[in-house]
Structure formats: C-alpha cells, structure tokens
Amino acid sequence: MSKIEPGQVYRSCDPRGGPMIRVTAYTPGNSRAEVVDARDGSPLEPVPVKQLHDSPITATGRRRRAGYVRHHTGYPVNPDLLKGD
C-alpha cells in the first residue's frame, strides 16, 4: 500500500456501488483514516486503513469486492457513476 495522505480519493470496490471518499486526516500508525464523501464533503465514519487499496485486483488476481481503491487522476471512475438516473 502506498502512503495514505489527506486529499486522496478512493472509490468503492463493492459491485453494488458505494460512495467515493476523500481522506481528510490520517496519522501514520493509526488504524483508521478520517474521510468525507468526495462529492459533497459530508462527513462519514472513519475507515479502517486496511480497506484502502492501491489496486482493484487482489494478490490472487481477482477483482476486489470490498473496501476502497485509490482513484488516480486520469483513470475512469466506475462507469456506472457516469450514467444518468
């Protein structure tokens, strides 16, 4: 896992969807990161850092179905988020 820093954005790995989150505070060594909804800034429950991943693929080659994967600038967001209601 790369270094967790305030400002990083993560998208949900849950196939049913979930919020995009932005890290607002993290102290190295802590087990949780403070986060807000990346779209509207509303506060969310702290997230265990073990749920924050760099890759959407596990070590065994499967797609992650839980936790959050880092959203890197220039990469597409979950295509379902681009669809209108």
Protein backbone atom coordinates (compact mmCIF):
# COMPACT_ATOMS: atom_id res chain seq x y z
CA MET A 1 0.00 0.00 0.00
CA SER A 2 1.24 3.46 -0.79
CA LYS A 3 1.34 6.27 1.69
CA ILE A 4 -2.10 7.47 2.82
CA GLU A 5 -2.38 11.25 2.69
CA PRO A 6 -5.14 13.83 3.10
CA GLY A 7 -6.75 14.70 -0.22
CA GLN A 8 -6.53 11.21 -1.71
CA VAL A 9 -9.78 9.98 -3.28
CA TYR A 10 -10.94 6.36 -3.20
CA ARG A 11 -13.89 4.66 -4.90
CA SER A 12 -15.87 1.76 -3.51
CA CYS A 13 -14.95 -1.77 -4.67
CA ASP A 14 -18.43 -3.03 -3.81
CA PRO A 15 -20.10 -4.19 -7.07
CA ARG A 16 -23.36 -2.68 -5.81
CA GLY A 17 -21.72 0.73 -5.65
CA GLY A 18 -20.88 2.98 -2.77
CA PRO A 19 -19.54 6.43 -2.01
CA MET A 20 -16.35 7.92 -3.34
CA ILE A 21 -14.42 9.05 -0.29
CA ARG A 22 -11.70 11.63 0.31
CA VAL A 23 -9.20 11.28 3.13
CA THR A 24 -9.24 14.37 5.33
CA ALA A 25 -6.87 13.25 8.09
CA TYR A 26 -4.58 10.32 8.80
CA THR A 27 -1.75 9.88 11.28
CA PRO A 28 0.75 7.18 10.24
CA GLY A 29 0.34 4.19 12.53
CA ASN A 30 -3.35 4.80 13.20
CA SER A 31 -5.75 2.04 12.21
CA ARG A 32 -8.37 4.42 10.75
CA ALA A 33 -8.46 7.38 8.39
CA GLU A 34 -10.91 10.28 8.69
CA VAL A 35 -12.94 10.60 5.48
CA VAL A 36 -15.73 12.62 3.84
CA ASP A 37 -17.93 11.97 0.81
CA ALA A 38 -15.78 13.10 -2.14
CA ARG A 39 -18.76 14.59 -3.98
CA ASP A 40 -20.45 16.72 -1.35
CA GLY A 41 -18.00 16.82 1.57
CA SER A 42 -20.40 15.31 4.09
CA PRO A 43 -18.59 13.56 6.95
CA LEU A 44 -18.52 9.75 7.04
CA GLU A 45 -17.44 7.23 9.64
CA PRO A 46 -13.65 6.73 9.85
CA VAL A 47 -12.46 3.95 7.53
CA PRO A 48 -10.01 1.21 8.59
CA VAL A 49 -6.80 1.72 6.61
CA LYS A 50 -6.82 -2.00 5.74
CA GLN A 51 -9.80 -1.18 3.49
CA LEU A 52 -7.83 1.37 1.43
CA HIS A 53 -6.15 -0.28 -1.57
CA ASP A 54 -3.94 0.85 -4.47
CA SER A 55 -5.20 -1.79 -6.90
CA PRO A 56 -8.68 -3.09 -7.72
CA ILE A 57 -7.11 -6.54 -8.19
CA THR A 58 -6.19 -8.84 -5.28
CA ALA A 59 -2.91 -10.74 -4.97
CA THR A 60 -4.72 -13.81 -6.37
CA GLY A 61 -5.82 -11.92 -9.48
CA ARG A 62 -9.47 -11.40 -8.57
CA ARG A 63 -11.35 -8.11 -8.55
CA ARG A 64 -11.82 -6.65 -5.09
CA ARG A 65 -15.40 -6.73 -3.86
CA ALA A 66 -14.90 -4.89 -0.57
CA GLY A 67 -13.05 -1.82 0.61
CA TYR A 68 -11.93 1.14 -1.47
CA VAL A 69 -9.44 1.53 -4.30
CA ARG A 70 -7.49 4.71 -4.90
CA HIS A 71 -8.82 6.86 -7.73
CA HIS A 72 -5.86 8.11 -9.74
CA THR A 73 -6.30 11.25 -11.82
CA GLY A 74 -6.76 10.40 -15.47
CA TYR A 75 -8.28 6.97 -14.83
CA PRO A 76 -12.00 6.47 -15.35
CA VAL A 77 -14.31 6.24 -12.39
CA ASN A 78 -16.74 3.32 -12.08
CA PRO A 79 -18.65 3.53 -15.43
CA ASP A 80 -21.99 3.19 -13.61
CA LEU A 81 -21.30 6.55 -11.96
CA LEU A 82 -21.26 8.20 -15.37
CA LYS A 83 -24.78 7.04 -16.26
CA GLY A 84 -27.68 9.41 -15.67
CA ASP A 85 -30.62 8.47 -13.48
